[in-house]
């Protein structure tokens, strides 16, 4: 019967670890996965975003968010403007895809209800959502269409930033359906 020595076991584990490291998605010094997947020439740059999304609110949280919170106290949030690429949160985290070559897929994923992300130049990833709690819950927002329109573009996004257990979100306003 064949017996694996400790040295052989260590070599096999090292080889497996090496393979795992080598097969991870490429990451640039900025922290962006698959940096070769770039935004198209007309999609803006981090220095000069294609456009803006979100209205600057007077307060961090809307009345519907405060009303929906536990004891009228939503989680901490602050008004923030962030520049980043509109990405499909799920595809980016799963396989590192973003940029112009992934635009069509991101748009399909957004139409199917996948989460929307904002990828900053340093690789920070925010989940983007509409801020107004009850209208968002009741399907009264139009932000998803704005994200579909700007998938794979670099945009300046203003909203309420919130971080819970290391998970970053940016809640945007100004996308309620007109009655």
N, C-alpha and C. Protein backbone atom coordinates (compact mmCIF):
# COMPACT_ATOMS: atom_id res chain seq x y z
N UNK A 1 0.84 -1.16 0.00
CA UNK A 1 0.00 0.00 0.00
C UNK A 1 0.90 1.24 0.00
N UNK A 2 0.49 2.25 -0.78
CA UNK A 2 1.27 3.48 -0.92
C UNK A 2 1.00 4.39 0.25
N UNK A 3 2.05 4.95 0.84
CA UNK A 3 1.89 5.86 1.97
C UNK A 3 2.49 7.20 1.60
N UNK A 4 1.74 8.26 1.87
CA UNK A 4 2.23 9.60 1.57
C UNK A 4 3.03 10.10 2.78
N UNK A 5 4.26 10.53 2.54
CA UNK A 5 5.08 11.06 3.62
C UNK A 5 4.63 12.48 3.94
N UNK A 6 5.05 12.95 5.10
CA UNK A 6 4.73 14.33 5.49
C UNK A 6 5.26 15.32 4.47
N UNK A 7 6.44 15.08 3.94
CA UNK A 7 7.03 15.96 2.93
C UNK A 7 6.16 15.98 1.68
N UNK A 8 5.70 14.80 1.25
CA UNK A 8 4.84 14.73 0.06
C UNK A 8 3.51 15.44 0.32
N UNK A 9 2.97 15.28 1.51
CA UNK A 9 1.71 15.96 1.86
C UNK A 9 1.90 17.47 1.82
N UNK A 10 2.99 17.95 2.38
CA UNK A 10 3.27 19.39 2.39
C UNK A 10 3.42 19.92 0.97
N UNK A 11 4.12 19.16 0.12
CA UNK A 11 4.31 19.57 -1.27
C UNK A 11 2.96 19.63 -2.00
N UNK A 12 2.10 18.64 -1.75
CA UNK A 12 0.78 18.62 -2.40
C UNK A 12 -0.06 19.79 -1.93
N UNK A 13 -0.02 20.10 -0.63
CA UNK A 13 -0.78 21.24 -0.10
C UNK A 13 -0.25 22.54 -0.67
N UNK A 14 1.07 22.67 -0.76
CA UNK A 14 1.67 23.88 -1.32
C UNK A 14 1.28 24.06 -2.77
N UNK A 15 1.28 22.99 -3.54
CA UNK A 15 0.89 23.06 -4.95
C UNK A 15 -0.57 23.47 -5.07
N UNK A 16 -1.42 22.91 -4.23
CA UNK A 16 -2.84 23.28 -4.27
C UNK A 16 -3.02 24.74 -3.92
N UNK A 17 -2.30 25.23 -2.90
CA UNK A 17 -2.39 26.64 -2.52
C UNK A 17 -1.88 27.53 -3.64
N UNK A 18 -0.80 27.11 -4.31
CA UNK A 18 -0.26 27.89 -5.42
C UNK A 18 -1.28 27.99 -6.54
N UNK A 19 -1.92 26.90 -6.87
CA UNK A 19 -2.93 26.90 -7.93
C UNK A 19 -4.07 27.83 -7.56
N UNK A 20 -4.52 27.79 -6.29
CA UNK A 20 -5.62 28.65 -5.86
C UNK A 20 -5.24 30.12 -6.00
N UNK A 21 -4.01 30.46 -5.62
CA UNK A 21 -3.58 31.85 -5.72
C UNK A 21 -3.47 32.28 -7.17
N UNK A 22 -2.92 31.43 -8.01
CA UNK A 22 -2.74 31.77 -9.41
C UNK A 22 -4.07 31.94 -10.13
N UNK A 23 -5.09 31.21 -9.72
CA UNK A 23 -6.35 31.27 -10.44
C UNK A 23 -7.31 32.34 -9.93
N UNK A 24 -6.92 33.10 -8.91
CA UNK A 24 -7.78 34.20 -8.46
C UNK A 24 -7.87 35.26 -9.56
N UNK A 25 -8.98 36.01 -9.62
CA UNK A 25 -9.10 37.06 -10.63
C UNK A 25 -7.97 38.08 -10.51
N UNK A 26 -7.56 38.61 -11.64
CA UNK A 26 -6.51 39.62 -11.64
C UNK A 26 -6.98 40.85 -10.90
N UNK A 27 -6.09 41.42 -10.11
CA UNK A 27 -6.42 42.62 -9.35
C UNK A 27 -5.27 43.60 -9.50
N UNK A 28 -5.62 44.84 -9.79
CA UNK A 28 -4.59 45.86 -9.97
C UNK A 28 -4.20 46.44 -8.61
N UNK A 29 -3.22 47.30 -8.61
CA UNK A 29 -2.80 47.97 -7.38
C UNK A 29 -3.95 48.79 -6.80
N UNK A 30 -4.90 49.21 -7.62
CA UNK A 30 -6.02 49.99 -7.12
C UNK A 30 -7.05 49.11 -6.42
N UNK A 31 -6.93 47.79 -6.54
CA UNK A 31 -7.88 46.90 -5.90
C UNK A 31 -9.04 46.49 -6.79
N UNK A 32 -9.05 46.90 -8.04
CA UNK A 32 -10.12 46.54 -8.96
C UNK A 32 -9.83 45.18 -9.57
N UNK A 33 -10.81 44.28 -9.48
CA UNK A 33 -10.68 42.96 -10.10
C UNK A 33 -10.70 43.10 -11.62
N UNK A 34 -9.96 42.27 -12.30
CA UNK A 34 -9.91 42.25 -13.77
C UNK A 34 -9.73 43.68 -14.35
N UNK A 35 -8.63 44.35 -14.02
CA UNK A 35 -8.42 45.73 -14.48
C UNK A 35 -8.35 45.88 -16.00
N UNK A 36 -8.15 44.78 -16.72
CA UNK A 36 -8.12 44.86 -18.19
C UNK A 36 -9.52 45.11 -18.76
N UNK A 37 -10.56 44.90 -17.98
CA UNK A 37 -11.94 45.15 -18.43
C UNK A 37 -12.24 46.62 -18.15
N UNK A 38 -12.11 47.45 -19.14
CA UNK A 38 -12.19 48.89 -18.94
C UNK A 38 -13.51 49.48 -19.44
N UNK A 39 -13.78 50.67 -18.96
CA UNK A 39 -14.95 51.44 -19.38
C UNK A 39 -14.67 51.97 -20.78
N UNK A 40 -15.70 52.01 -21.62
CA UNK A 40 -15.55 52.52 -22.98
C UNK A 40 -15.17 53.98 -23.01
N UNK A 41 -14.67 54.44 -24.14
CA UNK A 41 -14.20 55.82 -24.30
C UNK A 41 -15.27 56.85 -23.99
N UNK A 42 -16.53 56.53 -24.24
CA UNK A 42 -17.62 57.48 -23.99
C UNK A 42 -18.26 57.29 -22.62
N UNK A 43 -17.71 56.37 -21.81
CA UNK A 43 -18.32 56.03 -20.52
C UNK A 43 -17.83 56.82 -19.33
N UNK A 44 -17.02 57.85 -19.57
CA UNK A 44 -16.51 58.67 -18.48
C UNK A 44 -15.23 58.11 -17.89
N UNK A 45 -14.62 58.92 -17.03
CA UNK A 45 -13.41 58.53 -16.31
C UNK A 45 -13.62 58.89 -14.84
N UNK A 46 -12.73 58.41 -13.99
CA UNK A 46 -12.85 58.76 -12.57
C UNK A 46 -12.60 60.26 -12.38
N UNK A 47 -11.76 60.86 -13.23
CA UNK A 47 -11.49 62.29 -13.14
C UNK A 47 -12.63 63.11 -13.75
N UNK A 48 -13.30 62.54 -14.75
CA UNK A 48 -14.39 63.25 -15.42
C UNK A 48 -15.53 62.25 -15.67
N UNK A 49 -16.39 62.06 -14.65
CA UNK A 49 -17.49 61.10 -14.79
C UNK A 49 -18.42 61.47 -15.94
N UNK A 50 -19.09 60.46 -16.48
CA UNK A 50 -20.03 60.65 -17.58
C UNK A 50 -21.21 61.54 -17.17
N UNK A 51 -21.64 61.44 -15.93
CA UNK A 51 -22.78 62.22 -15.46
C UNK A 51 -23.00 62.00 -13.98
N UNK A 52 -24.16 62.40 -13.50
CA UNK A 52 -24.48 62.30 -12.08
C UNK A 52 -25.76 61.49 -11.88
N UNK A 53 -25.84 60.85 -10.73
CA UNK A 53 -27.03 60.13 -10.31
C UNK A 53 -27.30 60.51 -8.85
N UNK A 54 -28.55 60.71 -8.52
CA UNK A 54 -28.93 61.00 -7.14
C UNK A 54 -28.98 62.49 -6.85
N UNK A 55 -29.94 62.83 -6.00
CA UNK A 55 -30.07 64.21 -5.53
C UNK A 55 -29.48 64.32 -4.14
N UNK A 56 -28.86 65.45 -3.84
CA UNK A 56 -28.30 65.65 -2.51
C UNK A 56 -29.46 65.91 -1.55
N UNK A 57 -29.64 65.04 -0.56
CA UNK A 57 -30.75 65.23 0.37
C UNK A 57 -30.42 66.27 1.45
N UNK A 58 -31.46 66.77 2.09
CA UNK A 58 -31.27 67.70 3.21
C UNK A 58 -30.85 66.96 4.48
N UNK A 59 -31.30 65.73 4.60
CA UNK A 59 -30.98 64.90 5.76
C UNK A 59 -30.55 63.52 5.27
N UNK A 60 -29.84 62.80 6.10
CA UNK A 60 -29.33 61.49 5.68
C UNK A 60 -30.45 60.55 5.27
N UNK A 61 -31.51 60.48 6.05
CA UNK A 61 -32.59 59.53 5.78
C UNK A 61 -33.91 60.25 5.56
N UNK A 62 -34.71 59.71 4.65
CA UNK A 62 -36.04 60.27 4.37
C UNK A 62 -37.01 59.92 5.49
N UNK A 63 -38.15 60.59 5.51
CA UNK A 63 -39.16 60.33 6.54
C UNK A 63 -39.68 58.89 6.46
N UNK A 64 -39.78 58.32 5.26
CA UNK A 64 -40.27 56.94 5.17
C UNK A 64 -39.24 55.95 5.73
N UNK A 65 -37.96 56.26 5.59
CA UNK A 65 -36.93 55.39 6.16
C UNK A 65 -36.95 55.51 7.68
N UNK A 66 -37.05 56.73 8.19
CA UNK A 66 -37.12 56.92 9.64
C UNK A 66 -38.37 56.23 10.19
N UNK A 67 -39.49 56.39 9.50
CA UNK A 67 -40.74 55.76 9.94
C UNK A 67 -40.68 54.24 9.91
N UNK A 68 -39.93 53.67 9.02
CA UNK A 68 -39.83 52.21 8.91
C UNK A 68 -38.78 51.62 9.85
N UNK A 69 -37.94 52.47 10.43
CA UNK A 69 -36.85 51.97 11.26
C UNK A 69 -37.34 51.53 12.64
N UNK A 70 -36.53 50.78 13.33
CA UNK A 70 -36.86 50.32 14.67
C UNK A 70 -36.77 51.51 15.63
N UNK A 71 -37.85 51.79 16.30
CA UNK A 71 -37.93 52.90 17.27
C UNK A 71 -37.57 54.25 16.65
N UNK A 72 -37.79 54.41 15.32
CA UNK A 72 -37.51 55.68 14.66
C UNK A 72 -36.04 56.01 14.55
N UNK A 73 -35.18 54.99 14.65
CA UNK A 73 -33.73 55.22 14.62
C UNK A 73 -33.09 54.33 13.56
N UNK A 74 -32.94 54.84 12.33
CA UNK A 74 -32.25 54.05 11.29
C UNK A 74 -30.77 53.89 11.64
N UNK A 75 -30.12 52.98 10.96
CA UNK A 75 -28.68 52.82 11.14
C UNK A 75 -27.97 54.10 10.75
N UNK A 76 -26.75 54.25 11.22
CA UNK A 76 -25.96 55.44 10.92
C UNK A 76 -25.81 55.62 9.42
N UNK A 77 -25.88 56.85 8.99
CA UNK A 77 -25.70 57.17 7.57
C UNK A 77 -25.24 58.60 7.43
N UNK A 78 -24.52 58.88 6.36
CA UNK A 78 -24.07 60.25 6.10
C UNK A 78 -24.19 60.53 4.61
N UNK A 79 -24.47 61.77 4.30
CA UNK A 79 -24.59 62.18 2.90
C UNK A 79 -23.20 62.17 2.27
N UNK A 80 -23.11 61.54 1.11
CA UNK A 80 -21.80 61.35 0.48
C UNK A 80 -21.94 61.35 -1.04
N UNK A 81 -20.94 61.87 -1.72
CA UNK A 81 -20.85 61.79 -3.18
C UNK A 81 -19.64 60.92 -3.52
N UNK A 82 -19.89 59.92 -4.36
CA UNK A 82 -18.85 58.94 -4.70
C UNK A 82 -18.80 58.81 -6.22
N UNK A 83 -17.60 58.71 -6.77
CA UNK A 83 -17.42 58.48 -8.21
C UNK A 83 -17.02 57.03 -8.41
N UNK A 84 -17.73 56.37 -9.33
CA UNK A 84 -17.41 54.98 -9.60
C UNK A 84 -18.14 54.44 -10.81
N UNK A 85 -17.77 53.24 -11.18
CA UNK A 85 -18.39 52.55 -12.32
C UNK A 85 -19.64 51.81 -11.84
N UNK A 86 -20.73 51.96 -12.59
CA UNK A 86 -21.96 51.22 -12.30
C UNK A 86 -21.73 49.78 -12.76
N UNK A 87 -21.72 48.85 -11.80
CA UNK A 87 -21.43 47.45 -12.10
C UNK A 87 -22.54 46.55 -11.58
N UNK A 88 -22.61 45.39 -12.18
CA UNK A 88 -23.48 44.34 -11.68
C UNK A 88 -22.76 43.74 -10.47
N UNK A 89 -23.30 44.01 -9.30
CA UNK A 89 -22.70 43.59 -8.04
C UNK A 89 -22.40 42.09 -8.03
N UNK A 90 -23.36 41.29 -8.49
CA UNK A 90 -23.20 39.84 -8.43
C UNK A 90 -22.13 39.35 -9.40
N UNK A 91 -22.14 39.79 -10.65
CA UNK A 91 -21.12 39.36 -11.61
C UNK A 91 -19.73 39.84 -11.21
N UNK A 92 -19.64 41.05 -10.66
CA UNK A 92 -18.34 41.57 -10.25
C UNK A 92 -17.75 40.72 -9.14
N UNK A 93 -18.55 40.42 -8.11
CA UNK A 93 -18.03 39.63 -7.00
C UNK A 93 -17.80 38.17 -7.38
N UNK A 94 -18.61 37.65 -8.28
CA UNK A 94 -18.50 36.25 -8.66
C UNK A 94 -17.35 35.98 -9.62
N UNK A 95 -17.21 36.82 -10.67
CA UNK A 95 -16.20 36.56 -11.69
C UNK A 95 -15.35 37.78 -12.06
N UNK A 96 -15.54 38.90 -11.36
CA UNK A 96 -14.72 40.08 -11.59
C UNK A 96 -15.06 40.88 -12.83
N UNK A 97 -16.21 40.63 -13.44
CA UNK A 97 -16.53 41.32 -14.70
C UNK A 97 -17.11 42.71 -14.47
N UNK A 98 -16.71 43.61 -15.38
CA UNK A 98 -17.20 45.00 -15.38
C UNK A 98 -16.74 45.63 -16.68
N UNK A 99 -16.96 46.90 -16.85
CA UNK A 99 -16.48 47.60 -18.05
C UNK A 99 -17.38 47.44 -19.25
N UNK A 100 -16.94 48.00 -20.35
CA UNK A 100 -17.73 48.03 -21.59
C UNK A 100 -18.08 46.63 -22.09
N UNK A 101 -17.15 45.70 -22.01
CA UNK A 101 -17.41 44.34 -22.52
C UNK A 101 -18.48 43.62 -21.69
N UNK A 102 -18.72 44.08 -20.48
CA UNK A 102 -19.71 43.43 -19.62
C UNK A 102 -21.03 44.22 -19.56
N UNK A 103 -21.10 45.32 -20.25
CA UNK A 103 -22.27 46.21 -20.19
C UNK A 103 -23.59 45.49 -20.51
N UNK A 104 -23.66 44.76 -21.61
CA UNK A 104 -24.90 44.06 -21.99
C UNK A 104 -25.33 43.06 -20.92
N UNK A 105 -24.39 42.31 -20.40
CA UNK A 105 -24.70 41.32 -19.36
C UNK A 105 -25.21 42.03 -18.10
N UNK A 106 -24.53 43.11 -17.70
CA UNK A 106 -24.95 43.87 -16.51
C UNK A 106 -26.38 44.39 -16.70
N UNK A 107 -26.68 44.90 -17.89
CA UNK A 107 -28.04 45.40 -18.14
C UNK A 107 -29.06 44.28 -18.02
N UNK A 108 -28.75 43.10 -18.55
CA UNK A 108 -29.67 41.96 -18.43
C UNK A 108 -29.84 41.57 -16.96
N UNK A 109 -28.74 41.55 -16.22
CA UNK A 109 -28.81 41.20 -14.81
C UNK A 109 -29.63 42.22 -14.03
N UNK A 110 -29.45 43.51 -14.31
CA UNK A 110 -30.24 44.55 -13.63
C UNK A 110 -31.73 44.37 -13.94
N UNK A 111 -32.06 44.08 -15.21
CA UNK A 111 -33.46 43.86 -15.58
C UNK A 111 -34.05 42.65 -14.84
N UNK A 112 -33.20 41.69 -14.52
CA UNK A 112 -33.65 40.48 -13.81
C UNK A 112 -33.66 40.68 -12.29
N UNK A 113 -33.31 41.89 -11.84
CA UNK A 113 -33.37 42.19 -10.42
C UNK A 113 -32.09 41.99 -9.64
N UNK A 114 -30.97 41.74 -10.33
CA UNK A 114 -29.70 41.57 -9.63
C UNK A 114 -29.28 42.89 -8.98
N UNK A 115 -28.50 42.83 -7.90
CA UNK A 115 -28.09 44.06 -7.21
C UNK A 115 -27.16 44.93 -8.05
N UNK A 116 -27.27 46.22 -7.81
CA UNK A 116 -26.52 47.24 -8.54
C UNK A 116 -25.35 47.68 -7.66
N UNK A 117 -24.17 47.81 -8.27
CA UNK A 117 -23.00 48.22 -7.51
C UNK A 117 -22.34 49.47 -8.08
N UNK A 118 -21.51 50.08 -7.26
CA UNK A 118 -20.70 51.22 -7.65
C UNK A 118 -19.26 50.89 -7.26
N UNK A 119 -18.39 50.78 -8.26
CA UNK A 119 -17.00 50.39 -8.07
C UNK A 119 -16.12 51.63 -8.15
N UNK A 120 -15.46 51.98 -7.05
CA UNK A 120 -14.62 53.17 -7.03
C UNK A 120 -13.24 52.87 -7.57
N UNK A 121 -12.47 53.92 -7.80
CA UNK A 121 -11.14 53.79 -8.38
C UNK A 121 -10.20 52.96 -7.51
N UNK A 122 -10.43 52.97 -6.19
CA UNK A 122 -9.56 52.19 -5.30
C UNK A 122 -10.07 50.76 -5.07
N UNK A 123 -11.16 50.39 -5.77
CA UNK A 123 -11.68 49.04 -5.67
C UNK A 123 -12.77 48.87 -4.62
N UNK A 124 -13.15 49.93 -3.94
CA UNK A 124 -14.25 49.86 -2.98
C UNK A 124 -15.54 49.62 -3.75
N UNK A 125 -16.38 48.74 -3.23
CA UNK A 125 -17.63 48.40 -3.88
C UNK A 125 -18.79 48.75 -2.96
N UNK A 126 -19.71 49.56 -3.48
CA UNK A 126 -20.93 49.93 -2.78
C UNK A 126 -22.10 49.24 -3.46
N UNK A 127 -23.09 48.84 -2.69
CA UNK A 127 -24.36 48.43 -3.26
C UNK A 127 -25.19 49.70 -3.38
N UNK A 128 -25.84 49.89 -4.54
CA UNK A 128 -26.67 51.07 -4.76
C UNK A 128 -28.14 50.69 -4.67
N UNK A 129 -28.90 51.52 -3.93
CA UNK A 129 -30.34 51.30 -3.79
C UNK A 129 -31.04 52.64 -3.65
N UNK A 130 -32.31 52.62 -3.93
CA UNK A 130 -33.11 53.82 -3.68
C UNK A 130 -33.26 54.00 -2.18
N UNK A 131 -33.24 55.26 -1.72
CA UNK A 131 -33.27 55.52 -0.29
C UNK A 131 -34.67 55.44 0.30
N UNK A 132 -35.64 56.01 -0.33
CA UNK A 132 -36.98 56.11 0.25
C UNK A 132 -37.55 54.72 0.53
N UNK A 133 -37.63 54.32 1.79
CA UNK A 133 -37.95 52.95 2.18
C UNK A 133 -39.28 52.45 1.62
N UNK A 134 -40.39 53.11 1.95
CA UNK A 134 -41.69 52.59 1.52
C UNK A 134 -41.86 52.61 0.00
N UNK A 135 -41.53 53.71 -0.68
CA UNK A 135 -41.64 53.68 -2.14
C UNK A 135 -40.75 52.61 -2.78
N UNK A 136 -39.55 52.39 -2.24
CA UNK A 136 -38.67 51.34 -2.77
C UNK A 136 -39.33 49.98 -2.59
N UNK A 137 -39.84 49.75 -1.40
CA UNK A 137 -40.51 48.48 -1.08
C UNK A 137 -41.71 48.24 -1.98
N UNK A 138 -42.43 49.32 -2.30
CA UNK A 138 -43.66 49.22 -3.07
C UNK A 138 -43.46 49.34 -4.58
N UNK A 139 -42.19 49.31 -5.03
CA UNK A 139 -41.90 49.35 -6.47
C UNK A 139 -42.18 50.70 -7.12
N UNK A 140 -42.08 51.76 -6.36
CA UNK A 140 -42.38 53.10 -6.87
C UNK A 140 -41.14 53.86 -7.34
N UNK A 141 -40.00 53.21 -7.41
CA UNK A 141 -38.78 53.88 -7.81
C UNK A 141 -38.40 53.60 -9.25
N UNK A 142 -37.57 54.49 -9.79
CA UNK A 142 -37.10 54.36 -11.17
C UNK A 142 -35.57 54.27 -11.26
N UNK A 143 -34.92 54.13 -10.11
CA UNK A 143 -33.46 54.11 -10.12
C UNK A 143 -32.91 52.94 -10.93
N UNK A 144 -33.55 51.80 -10.87
CA UNK A 144 -33.06 50.62 -11.60
C UNK A 144 -32.90 50.95 -13.09
N UNK A 145 -33.84 51.69 -13.67
CA UNK A 145 -33.72 52.05 -15.08
C UNK A 145 -32.52 52.96 -15.32
N UNK A 146 -32.26 53.87 -14.40
CA UNK A 146 -31.08 54.73 -14.53
C UNK A 146 -29.80 53.88 -14.49
N UNK A 147 -29.79 52.87 -13.64
CA UNK A 147 -28.62 51.98 -13.57
C UNK A 147 -28.48 51.18 -14.86
N UNK A 148 -29.60 50.71 -15.40
CA UNK A 148 -29.56 49.99 -16.68
C UNK A 148 -28.96 50.89 -17.76
N UNK A 149 -29.43 52.13 -17.80
CA UNK A 149 -28.94 53.09 -18.80
C UNK A 149 -27.44 53.37 -18.66
N UNK A 150 -26.93 53.29 -17.43
CA UNK A 150 -25.53 53.67 -17.18
C UNK A 150 -24.64 52.50 -16.76
N UNK A 151 -25.07 51.28 -16.97
CA UNK A 151 -24.22 50.12 -16.66
C UNK A 151 -22.90 50.24 -17.42
N UNK A 152 -21.80 50.04 -16.73
CA UNK A 152 -20.50 50.12 -17.37
C UNK A 152 -19.99 51.54 -17.58
N UNK A 153 -20.68 52.52 -17.04
CA UNK A 153 -20.24 53.92 -17.13
C UNK A 153 -19.73 54.38 -15.77
N UNK A 154 -18.82 55.32 -15.78
CA UNK A 154 -18.35 55.93 -14.54
C UNK A 154 -19.21 57.16 -14.28
N UNK A 155 -19.85 57.16 -13.10
CA UNK A 155 -20.80 58.20 -12.73
C UNK A 155 -20.46 58.77 -11.36
N UNK A 156 -20.92 59.99 -11.14
CA UNK A 156 -20.84 60.59 -9.81
C UNK A 156 -22.19 60.33 -9.15
N UNK A 157 -22.19 59.66 -8.00
CA UNK A 157 -23.43 59.27 -7.34
C UNK A 157 -23.49 59.89 -5.95
N UNK A 158 -24.59 60.57 -5.67
CA UNK A 158 -24.80 61.19 -4.36
C UNK A 158 -25.93 60.47 -3.65
N UNK A 159 -25.73 60.23 -2.37
CA UNK A 159 -26.76 59.58 -1.57
C UNK A 159 -26.36 59.47 -0.12
N UNK A 160 -27.03 58.61 0.59
CA UNK A 160 -26.73 58.36 1.99
C UNK A 160 -25.87 57.10 2.08
N UNK A 161 -24.65 57.28 2.59
CA UNK A 161 -23.73 56.16 2.73
C UNK A 161 -23.95 55.51 4.10
N UNK A 162 -23.96 54.19 4.09
CA UNK A 162 -24.12 53.43 5.32
C UNK A 162 -23.22 52.21 5.24
N UNK A 163 -22.54 51.92 6.33
CA UNK A 163 -21.70 50.73 6.40
C UNK A 163 -22.12 49.93 7.61
N UNK A 164 -22.45 48.67 7.39
CA UNK A 164 -22.84 47.77 8.47
C UNK A 164 -21.99 46.51 8.35
N UNK A 165 -21.23 46.24 9.39
CA UNK A 165 -20.35 45.05 9.42
C UNK A 165 -19.46 44.96 8.18
N UNK A 166 -18.94 46.09 7.73
CA UNK A 166 -18.03 46.12 6.58
C UNK A 166 -18.71 46.16 5.23
N UNK A 167 -20.03 46.02 5.21
CA UNK A 167 -20.78 46.04 3.95
C UNK A 167 -21.20 47.47 3.66
N UNK A 168 -20.82 48.00 2.49
CA UNK A 168 -21.08 49.40 2.13
C UNK A 168 -22.29 49.51 1.20
N UNK A 169 -23.13 50.49 1.50
CA UNK A 169 -24.27 50.79 0.65
C UNK A 169 -24.36 52.29 0.46
N UNK A 170 -24.89 52.69 -0.69
CA UNK A 170 -25.16 54.09 -0.97
C UNK A 170 -26.61 54.15 -1.45
N UNK A 171 -27.44 54.85 -0.68
CA UNK A 171 -28.87 54.97 -0.97
C UNK A 171 -29.12 56.29 -1.69
N UNK A 172 -29.66 56.22 -2.90
CA UNK A 172 -29.86 57.42 -3.72
C UNK A 172 -31.32 57.88 -3.68
N UNK A 173 -31.51 59.17 -3.90
CA UNK A 173 -32.85 59.75 -3.95
C UNK A 173 -33.06 60.44 -5.28
N UNK A 174 -34.34 60.69 -5.57
CA UNK A 174 -34.69 61.43 -6.77
C UNK A 174 -35.23 60.54 -7.87
N UNK A 175 -35.61 59.32 -7.54
CA UNK A 175 -36.05 58.37 -8.55
C UNK A 175 -37.43 57.78 -8.24
N UNK A 176 -38.35 58.65 -7.82
CA UNK A 176 -39.71 58.19 -7.57
C UNK A 176 -40.54 58.36 -8.83
N UNK A 177 -41.41 57.38 -9.09
CA UNK A 177 -42.31 57.47 -10.24
C UNK A 177 -43.24 58.65 -10.04
N UNK A 178 -43.50 59.34 -11.12
CA UNK A 178 -44.43 60.47 -11.09
C UNK A 178 -45.85 59.93 -11.08
N UNK A 179 -46.66 60.43 -10.19
CA UNK A 179 -48.05 59.95 -10.09
C UNK A 179 -48.94 60.63 -11.11
